[in-house]
Amino acid sequence: HGNEQSGPDALLQLLAGITVQGTVSGLSDAAIKGASVSASGENTYFQSTAVGALGHFEFANVPPGVVTLRATAADAAGSTRSVTRQSTAASDQPVLTTERVFDQGYTLSGQVTRAGQPVAGANVFAMLQGGGGSQASAVTGAAGTYQLAGLQEGTYVVSATSAFAGTGSSKRQTIAIASDQTLDLSFPGSRSAGQVVVAAGKTPLADATLAIAARDPGARGGPGQ
């Protein structure tokens, strides 16, 4: 039609990114098979991939700019550790090659308890102050013990939490690591407070003896509850 006007042409453009590839080393063959690497970068970019044979990993179409790569490994006991490092992907560099190395590092071990009793199934996490670097986590066994391996030298915030040990089952502590260390964590116990009075007149009653017991003797926590 004579009065019809055509709109501007649409332009679709595919932006080619950078290929980031590398290797993960410093782990046993069994740990390498279960390791993974995640990449985050500009424009909310995020991808994760399993580590392949010989520790190789690769990400395609990564936006140019700062790229944060985190390698995570787990063992048969359920403990995990990770290393993080930032690299810069230049737009004129089609392939960025990097390596993530798990150093043997130091080991932090100990026991998690509550009211003197071991706490099984508690989550223990160690984070290097200042961010980045190495991190590790573990779940306590039947005896409440844990072990975090591969920590680099530095000051760590170590936290323990449990959904099964009752109210207040969390603990955080700071420790400097420059060798293998032992750190026991104790959840704070519960506390009851009140006043004993005579029923008639509500007069305070001194020298009364109180006892407390679980309403359900078979409740989790046993006599210590």
N, C-alpha and C. Protein backbone atom coordinates (compact mmCIF):
# COMPACT_ATOMS: atom_id res chain seq x y z
N HIS A 1 0.86 -1.18 0.00
CA HIS A 1 0.00 0.00 0.00
C HIS A 1 0.89 1.24 0.00
N GLY A 2 0.36 2.30 -0.62
CA GLY A 2 1.17 3.50 -0.77
C GLY A 2 1.50 4.16 0.55
N ASN A 3 0.57 4.06 1.57
CA ASN A 3 0.80 4.73 2.85
C ASN A 3 1.60 3.87 3.83
N GLU A 4 1.94 2.65 3.47
CA GLU A 4 2.65 1.74 4.40
C GLU A 4 4.12 2.16 4.50
N GLN A 5 4.59 2.23 5.74
CA GLN A 5 5.99 2.57 5.96
C GLN A 5 6.69 1.37 6.58
N SER A 6 7.84 1.08 6.08
CA SER A 6 8.61 -0.05 6.62
C SER A 6 9.43 0.41 7.82
N GLY A 7 9.50 -0.46 8.86
CA GLY A 7 10.27 -0.14 10.06
C GLY A 7 11.74 -0.40 9.84
N PRO A 8 12.57 -0.02 10.81
CA PRO A 8 14.01 -0.23 10.68
C PRO A 8 14.33 -1.73 10.69
N ASP A 9 15.35 -2.08 9.97
CA ASP A 9 15.76 -3.48 9.92
C ASP A 9 16.29 -3.91 11.29
N ALA A 10 15.96 -5.15 11.70
CA ALA A 10 16.47 -5.70 12.96
C ALA A 10 17.83 -6.32 12.73
N LEU A 11 18.75 -6.09 13.64
CA LEU A 11 20.10 -6.63 13.52
C LEU A 11 20.35 -7.59 14.68
N LEU A 12 20.59 -8.84 14.34
CA LEU A 12 20.92 -9.85 15.34
C LEU A 12 22.41 -10.11 15.27
N GLN A 13 23.06 -10.05 16.42
CA GLN A 13 24.50 -10.23 16.43
C GLN A 13 24.87 -11.21 17.53
N LEU A 14 25.61 -12.24 17.17
CA LEU A 14 26.11 -13.20 18.15
C LEU A 14 27.49 -12.77 18.59
N LEU A 15 27.63 -12.56 19.88
CA LEU A 15 28.91 -12.12 20.42
C LEU A 15 29.73 -13.34 20.82
N ALA A 16 30.85 -13.52 20.17
CA ALA A 16 31.72 -14.65 20.48
C ALA A 16 32.51 -14.35 21.74
N GLY A 17 32.50 -15.28 22.68
CA GLY A 17 33.23 -15.09 23.92
C GLY A 17 34.58 -15.77 23.88
N ILE A 18 35.16 -15.91 25.06
CA ILE A 18 36.48 -16.50 25.22
C ILE A 18 36.32 -17.96 25.64
N THR A 19 37.21 -18.80 25.19
CA THR A 19 37.27 -20.18 25.69
C THR A 19 38.25 -20.24 26.85
N VAL A 20 37.77 -20.67 28.01
CA VAL A 20 38.62 -20.82 29.20
C VAL A 20 38.81 -22.31 29.42
N GLN A 21 40.04 -22.74 29.44
CA GLN A 21 40.33 -24.15 29.65
C GLN A 21 41.51 -24.29 30.60
N GLY A 22 41.63 -25.47 31.17
CA GLY A 22 42.73 -25.68 32.10
C GLY A 22 42.69 -27.05 32.72
N THR A 23 43.44 -27.20 33.80
CA THR A 23 43.52 -28.48 34.50
C THR A 23 43.43 -28.26 36.00
N VAL A 24 42.97 -29.29 36.68
CA VAL A 24 42.95 -29.33 38.14
C VAL A 24 43.98 -30.37 38.58
N SER A 25 44.85 -30.01 39.48
CA SER A 25 45.91 -30.92 39.92
C SER A 25 46.04 -30.90 41.43
N GLY A 26 46.86 -31.81 41.95
CA GLY A 26 47.09 -31.89 43.38
C GLY A 26 46.12 -32.81 44.10
N LEU A 27 45.32 -33.59 43.36
CA LEU A 27 44.35 -34.50 43.95
C LEU A 27 44.65 -35.93 43.52
N SER A 28 44.14 -36.89 44.27
CA SER A 28 44.27 -38.29 43.88
C SER A 28 43.40 -38.55 42.66
N ASP A 29 43.64 -39.68 41.98
CA ASP A 29 42.85 -40.01 40.80
C ASP A 29 41.37 -40.12 41.15
N ALA A 30 41.05 -40.70 42.33
CA ALA A 30 39.65 -40.85 42.74
C ALA A 30 39.00 -39.49 42.98
N ALA A 31 39.74 -38.56 43.59
CA ALA A 31 39.18 -37.23 43.87
C ALA A 31 39.01 -36.43 42.58
N ILE A 32 39.93 -36.60 41.63
CA ILE A 32 39.84 -35.90 40.35
C ILE A 32 38.54 -36.27 39.64
N LYS A 33 38.16 -37.55 39.71
CA LYS A 33 36.96 -38.01 39.01
C LYS A 33 35.69 -37.35 39.57
N GLY A 34 35.71 -36.97 40.85
CA GLY A 34 34.53 -36.36 41.44
C GLY A 34 34.60 -34.86 41.57
N ALA A 35 35.64 -34.25 41.00
CA ALA A 35 35.83 -32.80 41.13
C ALA A 35 35.00 -32.05 40.09
N SER A 36 34.74 -30.78 40.38
CA SER A 36 34.01 -29.92 39.45
C SER A 36 34.63 -28.53 39.49
N VAL A 37 34.34 -27.75 38.44
CA VAL A 37 34.82 -26.38 38.35
C VAL A 37 33.65 -25.50 37.93
N SER A 38 33.50 -24.36 38.60
CA SER A 38 32.49 -23.38 38.21
C SER A 38 33.18 -22.10 37.76
N ALA A 39 32.54 -21.41 36.82
CA ALA A 39 33.07 -20.14 36.29
C ALA A 39 31.99 -19.08 36.36
N SER A 40 32.33 -17.92 36.90
CA SER A 40 31.40 -16.79 36.92
C SER A 40 32.13 -15.57 36.37
N GLY A 41 31.37 -14.73 35.64
CA GLY A 41 32.02 -13.59 35.02
C GLY A 41 31.06 -12.45 34.74
N GLU A 42 31.40 -11.63 33.77
CA GLU A 42 30.63 -10.44 33.44
C GLU A 42 29.23 -10.82 32.94
N ASN A 43 28.30 -9.86 33.07
CA ASN A 43 26.94 -10.04 32.57
C ASN A 43 26.25 -11.26 33.16
N THR A 44 26.46 -11.47 34.46
CA THR A 44 25.85 -12.56 35.24
C THR A 44 26.19 -13.95 34.67
N TYR A 45 27.29 -14.05 33.97
CA TYR A 45 27.69 -15.35 33.42
C TYR A 45 28.01 -16.33 34.54
N PHE A 46 27.50 -17.55 34.42
CA PHE A 46 27.84 -18.62 35.37
C PHE A 46 27.66 -19.96 34.69
N GLN A 47 28.67 -20.81 34.81
CA GLN A 47 28.60 -22.17 34.29
C GLN A 47 29.38 -23.09 35.23
N SER A 48 29.00 -24.36 35.24
CA SER A 48 29.70 -25.35 36.05
C SER A 48 29.88 -26.61 35.22
N THR A 49 31.00 -27.30 35.42
CA THR A 49 31.27 -28.51 34.66
C THR A 49 32.05 -29.50 35.51
N ALA A 50 31.86 -30.78 35.22
CA ALA A 50 32.64 -31.81 35.90
C ALA A 50 34.04 -31.84 35.30
N VAL A 51 35.01 -32.19 36.13
CA VAL A 51 36.38 -32.29 35.66
C VAL A 51 36.54 -33.60 34.88
N GLY A 52 37.14 -33.51 33.71
CA GLY A 52 37.29 -34.68 32.87
C GLY A 52 38.57 -35.44 33.15
N ALA A 53 38.92 -36.29 32.22
CA ALA A 53 40.12 -37.11 32.35
C ALA A 53 41.36 -36.23 32.52
N LEU A 54 42.25 -36.69 33.37
CA LEU A 54 43.50 -35.99 33.65
C LEU A 54 43.28 -34.59 34.22
N GLY A 55 42.09 -34.36 34.78
CA GLY A 55 41.81 -33.08 35.44
C GLY A 55 41.48 -31.95 34.50
N HIS A 56 41.12 -32.23 33.25
CA HIS A 56 40.87 -31.17 32.28
C HIS A 56 39.46 -30.60 32.42
N PHE A 57 39.32 -29.29 32.19
CA PHE A 57 38.01 -28.64 32.13
C PHE A 57 38.03 -27.55 31.06
N GLU A 58 36.84 -27.18 30.58
CA GLU A 58 36.76 -26.16 29.53
C GLU A 58 35.40 -25.47 29.57
N PHE A 59 35.41 -24.14 29.38
CA PHE A 59 34.19 -23.34 29.26
C PHE A 59 34.25 -22.56 27.95
N ALA A 60 33.14 -22.55 27.22
CA ALA A 60 33.09 -21.83 25.94
C ALA A 60 32.25 -20.56 26.08
N ASN A 61 32.53 -19.58 25.25
CA ASN A 61 31.77 -18.32 25.19
C ASN A 61 31.71 -17.59 26.54
N VAL A 62 32.83 -17.53 27.21
CA VAL A 62 32.93 -16.77 28.46
C VAL A 62 33.11 -15.29 28.10
N PRO A 63 32.31 -14.38 28.69
CA PRO A 63 32.45 -12.95 28.36
C PRO A 63 33.83 -12.43 28.76
N PRO A 64 34.42 -11.55 27.96
CA PRO A 64 35.70 -10.94 28.33
C PRO A 64 35.57 -10.19 29.65
N GLY A 65 36.64 -10.17 30.40
CA GLY A 65 36.65 -9.50 31.69
C GLY A 65 37.16 -10.42 32.77
N VAL A 66 36.86 -10.09 34.02
CA VAL A 66 37.31 -10.89 35.15
C VAL A 66 36.48 -12.15 35.26
N VAL A 67 37.14 -13.29 35.34
CA VAL A 67 36.48 -14.58 35.46
C VAL A 67 36.95 -15.23 36.76
N THR A 68 35.99 -15.64 37.59
CA THR A 68 36.30 -16.32 38.84
C THR A 68 36.08 -17.81 38.66
N LEU A 69 37.13 -18.60 38.87
CA LEU A 69 37.05 -20.04 38.72
C LEU A 69 37.20 -20.69 40.10
N ARG A 70 36.25 -21.55 40.45
CA ARG A 70 36.31 -22.27 41.71
C ARG A 70 36.31 -23.77 41.43
N ALA A 71 37.35 -24.45 41.89
CA ALA A 71 37.44 -25.90 41.76
C ALA A 71 37.07 -26.52 43.10
N THR A 72 36.20 -27.53 43.08
CA THR A 72 35.72 -28.18 44.29
C THR A 72 35.92 -29.68 44.17
N ALA A 73 36.42 -30.28 45.25
CA ALA A 73 36.65 -31.72 45.28
C ALA A 73 36.05 -32.29 46.55
N ALA A 74 35.59 -33.53 46.49
CA ALA A 74 35.00 -34.20 47.65
C ALA A 74 35.65 -35.57 47.82
N ASP A 75 35.65 -36.07 49.07
CA ASP A 75 36.17 -37.42 49.30
C ASP A 75 35.04 -38.35 49.70
N ALA A 76 35.37 -39.61 49.91
CA ALA A 76 34.36 -40.63 50.20
C ALA A 76 33.65 -40.35 51.52
N ALA A 77 34.30 -39.65 52.44
CA ALA A 77 33.70 -39.37 53.74
C ALA A 77 32.72 -38.19 53.70
N GLY A 78 32.63 -37.51 52.57
CA GLY A 78 31.71 -36.39 52.45
C GLY A 78 32.34 -35.04 52.69
N SER A 79 33.64 -35.00 52.99
CA SER A 79 34.32 -33.72 53.18
C SER A 79 34.60 -33.09 51.81
N THR A 80 34.53 -31.78 51.74
CA THR A 80 34.81 -31.07 50.50
C THR A 80 35.85 -29.98 50.75
N ARG A 81 36.56 -29.62 49.71
CA ARG A 81 37.46 -28.48 49.77
C ARG A 81 37.49 -27.82 48.40
N SER A 82 37.84 -26.55 48.38
CA SER A 82 37.81 -25.82 47.13
C SER A 82 38.92 -24.79 47.09
N VAL A 83 39.31 -24.44 45.89
CA VAL A 83 40.27 -23.35 45.67
C VAL A 83 39.65 -22.39 44.67
N THR A 84 39.90 -21.10 44.87
CA THR A 84 39.31 -20.07 44.02
C THR A 84 40.40 -19.12 43.54
N ARG A 85 40.27 -18.73 42.28
CA ARG A 85 41.23 -17.76 41.75
C ARG A 85 40.56 -16.98 40.63
N GLN A 86 40.94 -15.71 40.49
CA GLN A 86 40.41 -14.87 39.44
C GLN A 86 41.44 -14.70 38.32
N SER A 87 40.95 -14.69 37.10
CA SER A 87 41.77 -14.44 35.92
C SER A 87 41.06 -13.41 35.06
N THR A 88 41.80 -12.77 34.17
CA THR A 88 41.21 -11.79 33.26
C THR A 88 41.24 -12.34 31.85
N ALA A 89 40.06 -12.43 31.24
CA ALA A 89 39.94 -12.89 29.86
C ALA A 89 39.90 -11.68 28.95
N ALA A 90 40.91 -11.52 28.11
CA ALA A 90 40.99 -10.38 27.20
C ALA A 90 40.24 -10.68 25.91
N SER A 91 39.58 -9.66 25.34
CA SER A 91 38.78 -9.85 24.13
C SER A 91 39.64 -10.25 22.94
N ASP A 92 40.93 -9.91 22.95
CA ASP A 92 41.80 -10.26 21.83
C ASP A 92 42.54 -11.58 22.07
N GLN A 93 42.13 -12.30 23.13
CA GLN A 93 42.76 -13.58 23.45
C GLN A 93 41.68 -14.67 23.37
N PRO A 94 41.59 -15.38 22.27
CA PRO A 94 40.48 -16.32 22.09
C PRO A 94 40.48 -17.47 23.08
N VAL A 95 41.64 -17.86 23.60
CA VAL A 95 41.71 -18.99 24.53
C VAL A 95 42.53 -18.58 25.75
N LEU A 96 41.95 -18.76 26.94
CA LEU A 96 42.64 -18.50 28.20
C LEU A 96 42.90 -19.84 28.88
N THR A 97 44.16 -20.14 29.14
CA THR A 97 44.54 -21.39 29.77
C THR A 97 44.99 -21.12 31.20
N THR A 98 44.48 -21.92 32.13
CA THR A 98 44.78 -21.70 33.54
C THR A 98 44.84 -23.04 34.26
N GLU A 99 45.32 -23.02 35.48
CA GLU A 99 45.43 -24.24 36.28
C GLU A 99 44.96 -23.96 37.70
N ARG A 100 44.26 -24.93 38.28
CA ARG A 100 43.82 -24.84 39.67
C ARG A 100 44.51 -25.97 40.44
N VAL A 101 45.33 -25.58 41.43
CA VAL A 101 46.15 -26.55 42.14
C VAL A 101 45.65 -26.70 43.57
N PHE A 102 45.39 -27.93 43.97
CA PHE A 102 45.06 -28.23 45.36
C PHE A 102 46.36 -28.59 46.09
N ASP A 103 46.85 -27.66 46.90
CA ASP A 103 48.05 -27.95 47.69
C ASP A 103 47.72 -28.93 48.80
N GLN A 104 48.73 -29.65 49.23
CA GLN A 104 48.52 -30.58 50.34
C GLN A 104 48.05 -29.82 51.57
N GLY A 105 48.64 -28.66 51.83
CA GLY A 105 48.17 -27.76 52.87
C GLY A 105 48.20 -28.37 54.26
N TYR A 106 47.42 -27.76 55.15
CA TYR A 106 47.34 -28.18 56.54
C TYR A 106 45.98 -28.80 56.83
N THR A 107 45.92 -29.54 57.92
CA THR A 107 44.69 -30.23 58.31
C THR A 107 44.18 -29.68 59.63
N LEU A 108 42.89 -29.37 59.67
CA LEU A 108 42.22 -28.96 60.89
C LEU A 108 41.24 -30.06 61.29
N SER A 109 41.37 -30.55 62.50
CA SER A 109 40.50 -31.64 62.96
C SER A 109 40.04 -31.35 64.37
N GLY A 110 38.99 -32.03 64.79
CA GLY A 110 38.48 -31.83 66.14
C GLY A 110 37.17 -32.56 66.34
N GLN A 111 36.44 -32.16 67.38
CA GLN A 111 35.18 -32.79 67.74
C GLN A 111 34.13 -31.73 68.04
N VAL A 112 32.90 -32.00 67.66
CA VAL A 112 31.77 -31.12 67.97
C VAL A 112 30.94 -31.80 69.05
N THR A 113 30.66 -31.06 70.14
CA THR A 113 29.90 -31.62 71.26
C THR A 113 28.82 -30.65 71.69
N ARG A 114 27.89 -31.17 72.47
CA ARG A 114 26.87 -30.36 73.13
C ARG A 114 26.57 -31.01 74.47
N ALA A 115 26.70 -30.24 75.54
CA ALA A 115 26.52 -30.75 76.90
C ALA A 115 27.42 -31.94 77.15
N GLY A 116 28.62 -31.90 76.57
CA GLY A 116 29.59 -32.97 76.79
C GLY A 116 29.38 -34.20 75.94
N GLN A 117 28.34 -34.21 75.12
CA GLN A 117 28.04 -35.37 74.28
C GLN A 117 28.39 -35.07 72.82
N PRO A 118 28.96 -36.07 72.10
CA PRO A 118 29.31 -35.84 70.70
C PRO A 118 28.08 -35.58 69.84
N VAL A 119 28.24 -34.71 68.85
CA VAL A 119 27.15 -34.38 67.94
C VAL A 119 27.49 -34.94 66.56
N ALA A 120 26.74 -35.93 66.12
CA ALA A 120 26.94 -36.51 64.79
C ALA A 120 26.11 -35.74 63.78
N GLY A 121 26.57 -35.71 62.54
CA GLY A 121 25.82 -35.07 61.47
C GLY A 121 25.88 -33.56 61.47
N ALA A 122 26.79 -32.96 62.25
CA ALA A 122 26.94 -31.49 62.25
C ALA A 122 27.78 -31.07 61.04
N ASN A 123 27.45 -29.93 60.48
CA ASN A 123 28.20 -29.39 59.35
C ASN A 123 29.26 -28.42 59.86
N VAL A 124 30.51 -28.68 59.49
CA VAL A 124 31.63 -27.83 59.89
C VAL A 124 32.22 -27.20 58.63
N PHE A 125 32.40 -25.88 58.65
CA PHE A 125 32.86 -25.15 57.47
C PHE A 125 33.96 -24.18 57.88
N ALA A 126 35.05 -24.16 57.12
CA ALA A 126 36.16 -23.25 57.38
C ALA A 126 36.34 -22.33 56.18
N MET A 127 36.32 -21.01 56.43
CA MET A 127 36.48 -20.02 55.36
C MET A 127 37.65 -19.11 55.69
N LEU A 128 38.53 -18.95 54.73
CA LEU A 128 39.68 -18.07 54.89
C LEU A 128 39.21 -16.63 54.96
N GLN A 129 39.63 -15.90 55.99
CA GLN A 129 39.23 -14.51 56.12
C GLN A 129 39.75 -13.69 54.95
N GLY A 130 38.91 -12.77 54.48
CA GLY A 130 39.27 -11.96 53.34
C GLY A 130 38.75 -12.51 52.03
N GLY A 131 38.14 -13.72 52.09
CA GLY A 131 37.56 -14.31 50.89
C GLY A 131 38.60 -14.96 50.01
N GLY A 132 38.13 -15.72 49.02
CA GLY A 132 39.03 -16.39 48.09
C GLY A 132 39.82 -17.48 48.77
N GLY A 133 40.88 -17.90 48.11
CA GLY A 133 41.74 -18.90 48.70
C GLY A 133 41.05 -20.24 48.86
N SER A 134 41.46 -20.98 49.87
CA SER A 134 40.94 -22.32 50.07
C SER A 134 39.82 -22.31 51.10
N GLN A 135 38.86 -23.19 50.90
CA GLN A 135 37.76 -23.40 51.82
C GLN A 135 37.56 -24.90 51.97
N ALA A 136 36.94 -25.30 53.06
CA ALA A 136 36.71 -26.72 53.27
C ALA A 136 35.49 -26.91 54.15
N SER A 137 34.83 -28.06 53.99
CA SER A 137 33.68 -28.40 54.82
C SER A 137 33.68 -29.89 55.09
N ALA A 138 33.00 -30.29 56.16
CA ALA A 138 32.92 -31.69 56.53
C ALA A 138 31.68 -31.91 57.37
N VAL A 139 31.25 -33.16 57.46
CA VAL A 139 30.14 -33.57 58.32
C VAL A 139 30.69 -34.48 59.40
N THR A 140 30.34 -34.20 60.65
CA THR A 140 30.88 -34.99 61.75
C THR A 140 30.34 -36.41 61.73
N GLY A 141 31.19 -37.35 62.16
CA GLY A 141 30.80 -38.75 62.22
C GLY A 141 30.09 -39.08 63.52
N ALA A 142 29.96 -40.38 63.79
CA ALA A 142 29.22 -40.84 64.97
C ALA A 142 29.84 -40.34 66.27
N ALA A 143 31.15 -40.14 66.28
CA ALA A 143 31.84 -39.67 67.48
C ALA A 143 31.93 -38.15 67.52
N GLY A 144 31.27 -37.47 66.58
CA GLY A 144 31.30 -36.01 66.56
C GLY A 144 32.57 -35.43 65.99
N THR A 145 33.43 -36.28 65.39
CA THR A 145 34.72 -35.80 64.90
C THR A 145 34.63 -35.33 63.45
N TYR A 146 35.53 -34.44 63.08
CA TYR A 146 35.61 -33.92 61.72
C TYR A 146 37.06 -33.73 61.34
N GLN A 147 37.31 -33.59 60.04
CA GLN A 147 38.66 -33.31 59.54
C GLN A 147 38.56 -32.50 58.26
N LEU A 148 39.26 -31.36 58.24
CA LEU A 148 39.30 -30.47 57.08
C LEU A 148 40.74 -30.45 56.57
N ALA A 149 40.93 -30.89 55.33
CA ALA A 149 42.27 -31.00 54.77
C ALA A 149 42.50 -29.95 53.70
N GLY A 150 43.79 -29.72 53.39
CA GLY A 150 44.16 -28.85 52.28
C GLY A 150 44.02 -27.38 52.56
N LEU A 151 44.08 -26.95 53.83
CA LEU A 151 43.96 -25.53 54.15
C LEU A 151 45.31 -24.84 53.99
N GLN A 152 45.30 -23.68 53.37
CA GLN A 152 46.52 -22.90 53.24
C GLN A 152 46.74 -22.07 54.50
N GLU A 153 47.93 -21.52 54.63
CA GLU A 153 48.24 -20.72 55.82
C GLU A 153 47.38 -19.46 55.84
N GLY A 154 46.87 -19.13 57.03
CA GLY A 154 46.04 -17.94 57.16
C GLY A 154 45.10 -18.07 58.34
N THR A 155 44.24 -17.09 58.51
CA THR A 155 43.26 -17.08 59.59
C THR A 155 41.90 -17.47 59.05
N TYR A 156 41.28 -18.45 59.68
CA TYR A 156 40.01 -19.00 59.21
C TYR A 156 38.91 -18.75 60.23
N VAL A 157 37.71 -18.55 59.71
CA VAL A 157 36.51 -18.57 60.53
C VAL A 157 35.91 -19.97 60.38
N VAL A 158 35.84 -20.69 61.49
CA VAL A 158 35.33 -22.06 61.49
C VAL A 158 33.95 -22.05 62.16
N SER A 159 32.96 -22.56 61.47
CA SER A 159 31.60 -22.58 62.01
C SER A 159 31.06 -23.99 61.97
N ALA A 160 30.23 -24.31 62.96
CA ALA A 160 29.57 -25.61 63.03
C ALA A 160 28.08 -25.38 63.28
N THR A 161 27.25 -26.11 62.56
CA THR A 161 25.80 -26.01 62.74
C THR A 161 25.21 -27.42 62.71
N SER A 162 24.08 -27.57 63.39
CA SER A 162 23.38 -28.85 63.40
C SER A 162 21.89 -28.60 63.56
N ALA A 163 21.11 -29.30 62.74
CA ALA A 163 19.65 -29.20 62.82
C ALA A 163 19.09 -30.25 63.77
N PHE A 164 19.95 -31.09 64.32
CA PHE A 164 19.48 -32.22 65.12
C PHE A 164 19.82 -32.11 66.60
N ALA A 165 20.67 -31.15 66.97
CA ALA A 165 21.14 -31.10 68.35
C ALA A 165 20.35 -30.14 69.21
N GLY A 166 19.24 -29.62 68.72
CA GLY A 166 18.41 -28.75 69.54
C GLY A 166 18.66 -27.29 69.31
N THR A 167 17.91 -26.45 70.02
CA THR A 167 18.02 -25.00 69.87
C THR A 167 19.41 -24.51 70.26
N GLY A 168 19.91 -23.54 69.53
CA GLY A 168 21.21 -22.96 69.85
C GLY A 168 22.37 -23.79 69.38
N SER A 169 22.12 -24.72 68.44
CA SER A 169 23.19 -25.61 67.99
C SER A 169 23.97 -24.98 66.85
N SER A 170 24.73 -23.96 67.18
CA SER A 170 25.64 -23.33 66.23
C SER A 170 26.80 -22.75 67.02
N LYS A 171 27.95 -22.73 66.37
CA LYS A 171 29.16 -22.23 67.01
C LYS A 171 30.09 -21.70 65.95
N ARG A 172 30.73 -20.56 66.24
CA ARG A 172 31.69 -19.97 65.32
C ARG A 172 32.93 -19.57 66.08
N GLN A 173 34.09 -19.84 65.49
CA GLN A 173 35.34 -19.52 66.16
C GLN A 173 36.40 -19.21 65.11
N THR A 174 37.34 -18.33 65.47
CA THR A 174 38.44 -17.95 64.57
C THR A 174 39.72 -18.61 65.01
N ILE A 175 40.48 -19.12 64.02
CA ILE A 175 41.73 -19.79 64.35
C ILE A 175 42.77 -19.48 63.28
N ALA A 176 44.02 -19.28 63.70
CA ALA A 176 45.13 -19.06 62.77
C ALA A 176 45.74 -20.41 62.42
N ILE A 177 45.89 -20.67 61.12
CA ILE A 177 46.44 -21.94 60.64
C ILE A 177 47.82 -21.70 60.06
N ALA A 178 48.83 -22.33 60.66
CA ALA A 178 50.19 -22.30 60.12
C ALA A 178 50.82 -23.68 60.23
N SER A 179 50.02 -24.66 60.66
CA SER A 179 50.43 -26.05 60.79
C SER A 179 49.16 -26.87 60.99
N ASP A 180 49.29 -28.18 61.10
CA ASP A 180 48.13 -29.00 61.43
C ASP A 180 47.61 -28.59 62.81
N GLN A 181 46.29 -28.40 62.92
CA GLN A 181 45.72 -27.88 64.16
C GLN A 181 44.54 -28.74 64.61
N THR A 182 44.22 -28.63 65.90
CA THR A 182 43.04 -29.27 66.48
C THR A 182 42.14 -28.20 67.07
N LEU A 183 40.86 -28.27 66.75
CA LEU A 183 39.90 -27.31 67.26
C LEU A 183 38.60 -28.03 67.60
N ASP A 184 38.27 -28.07 68.90
CA ASP A 184 37.01 -28.65 69.35
C ASP A 184 35.97 -27.55 69.47
N LEU A 185 34.76 -27.83 69.02
CA LEU A 185 33.67 -26.86 69.05
C LEU A 185 32.54 -27.40 69.91
N SER A 186 32.07 -26.58 70.85
CA SER A 186 31.01 -27.00 71.77
C SER A 186 29.80 -26.10 71.61
N PHE A 187 28.66 -26.71 71.27
CA PHE A 187 27.43 -25.94 71.17
C PHE A 187 27.00 -25.49 72.56
N PRO A 188 26.47 -24.27 72.70
CA PRO A 188 25.99 -23.83 74.01
C PRO A 188 24.81 -24.67 74.46
N GLY A 189 24.75 -24.95 75.77
CA GLY A 189 23.65 -25.74 76.31
C GLY A 189 22.41 -24.90 76.55
N SER A 190 21.29 -25.57 76.72
CA SER A 190 20.05 -24.87 77.03
C SER A 190 20.06 -24.38 78.47
N ARG A 191 19.23 -23.38 78.78
CA ARG A 191 19.19 -22.83 80.13
C ARG A 191 17.74 -22.55 80.50
N SER A 192 17.37 -22.95 81.69
CA SER A 192 16.04 -22.67 82.22
C SER A 192 16.17 -21.79 83.46
N ALA A 193 15.28 -20.83 83.58
CA ALA A 193 15.31 -19.94 84.74
C ALA A 193 13.88 -19.57 85.12
N GLY A 194 13.68 -19.26 86.37
CA GLY A 194 12.34 -18.88 86.81
C GLY A 194 12.32 -18.62 88.31
N GLN A 195 11.15 -18.75 88.91
CA GLN A 195 10.99 -18.48 90.34
C GLN A 195 10.04 -19.52 90.92
N VAL A 196 10.39 -20.00 92.11
CA VAL A 196 9.53 -20.95 92.83
C VAL A 196 8.74 -20.17 93.88
N VAL A 197 7.42 -20.32 93.87
CA VAL A 197 6.56 -19.59 94.81
C VAL A 197 5.57 -20.56 95.45
N VAL A 198 5.04 -20.18 96.58
CA VAL A 198 3.96 -20.92 97.24
C VAL A 198 2.67 -20.64 96.48
N ALA A 199 1.91 -21.71 96.19
CA ALA A 199 0.72 -21.56 95.37
C ALA A 199 -0.25 -20.54 95.94
N ALA A 200 -0.44 -20.58 97.24
CA ALA A 200 -1.36 -19.64 97.90
C ALA A 200 -0.60 -18.37 98.25
N GLY A 201 -0.93 -17.30 97.58
CA GLY A 201 -0.30 -16.02 97.88
C GLY A 201 0.93 -15.71 97.07
N LYS A 202 1.46 -16.71 96.34
CA LYS A 202 2.61 -16.51 95.47
C LYS A 202 3.85 -15.99 96.21
N THR A 203 4.00 -16.40 97.46
CA THR A 203 5.18 -15.98 98.23
C THR A 203 6.41 -16.74 97.73
N PRO A 204 7.53 -16.07 97.47
CA PRO A 204 8.74 -16.76 97.02
C PRO A 204 9.16 -17.83 98.03
N LEU A 205 9.60 -18.97 97.51
CA LEU A 205 10.00 -20.09 98.34
C LEU A 205 11.48 -20.36 98.13
N ALA A 206 12.27 -20.12 99.18
CA ALA A 206 13.72 -20.33 99.08
C ALA A 206 14.07 -21.79 99.37
N ASP A 207 15.30 -22.18 98.99
CA ASP A 207 15.87 -23.49 99.30
C ASP A 207 15.09 -24.65 98.70
N ALA A 208 14.34 -24.40 97.62
CA ALA A 208 13.64 -25.50 96.95
C ALA A 208 14.61 -26.24 96.05
N THR A 209 14.41 -27.54 95.88
CA THR A 209 15.23 -28.37 94.99
C THR A 209 14.43 -28.69 93.73
N LEU A 210 15.04 -28.45 92.57
CA LEU A 210 14.37 -28.67 91.30
C LEU A 210 15.09 -29.76 90.52
N ALA A 211 14.32 -30.50 89.74
CA ALA A 211 14.88 -31.50 88.83
C ALA A 211 14.20 -31.34 87.49
N ILE A 212 14.92 -31.66 86.41
CA ILE A 212 14.36 -31.55 85.06
C ILE A 212 14.63 -32.85 84.32
N ALA A 213 13.66 -33.30 83.55
CA ALA A 213 13.80 -34.52 82.77
C ALA A 213 13.01 -34.37 81.48
N ALA A 214 13.40 -35.14 80.46
CA ALA A 214 12.68 -35.10 79.20
C ALA A 214 11.28 -35.65 79.38
N ARG A 215 10.29 -35.01 78.75
CA ARG A 215 8.92 -35.51 78.83
C ARG A 215 8.83 -36.88 78.18
N ASP A 216 9.57 -37.05 77.07
CA ASP A 216 9.65 -38.35 76.39
C ASP A 216 11.04 -38.91 76.64
N PRO A 217 11.18 -39.92 77.51
CA PRO A 217 12.52 -40.46 77.82
C PRO A 217 13.27 -40.95 76.59
N GLY A 218 12.56 -41.28 75.54
CA GLY A 218 13.22 -41.78 74.33
C GLY A 218 13.53 -40.70 73.33
N ALA A 219 13.35 -39.43 73.70
CA ALA A 219 13.59 -38.33 72.76
C ALA A 219 15.06 -38.26 72.39
N ARG A 220 15.33 -37.73 71.20
CA ARG A 220 16.72 -37.59 70.74
C ARG A 220 17.50 -36.73 71.73
N GLY A 221 18.66 -37.20 72.11
CA GLY A 221 19.48 -36.49 73.06
C GLY A 221 19.61 -37.25 74.36
N GLY A 222 18.67 -38.16 74.65
CA GLY A 222 18.78 -39.04 75.80
C GLY A 222 18.81 -38.28 77.10
N PRO A 223 19.50 -38.85 78.11
CA PRO A 223 19.54 -38.23 79.44
C PRO A 223 20.09 -36.82 79.43
N GLY A 224 21.01 -36.51 78.50
CA GLY A 224 21.59 -35.18 78.45
C GLY A 224 20.59 -34.12 78.05
N GLN A 225 19.44 -34.54 77.54
CA GLN A 225 18.42 -33.58 77.13
C GLN A 225 17.58 -33.16 78.34
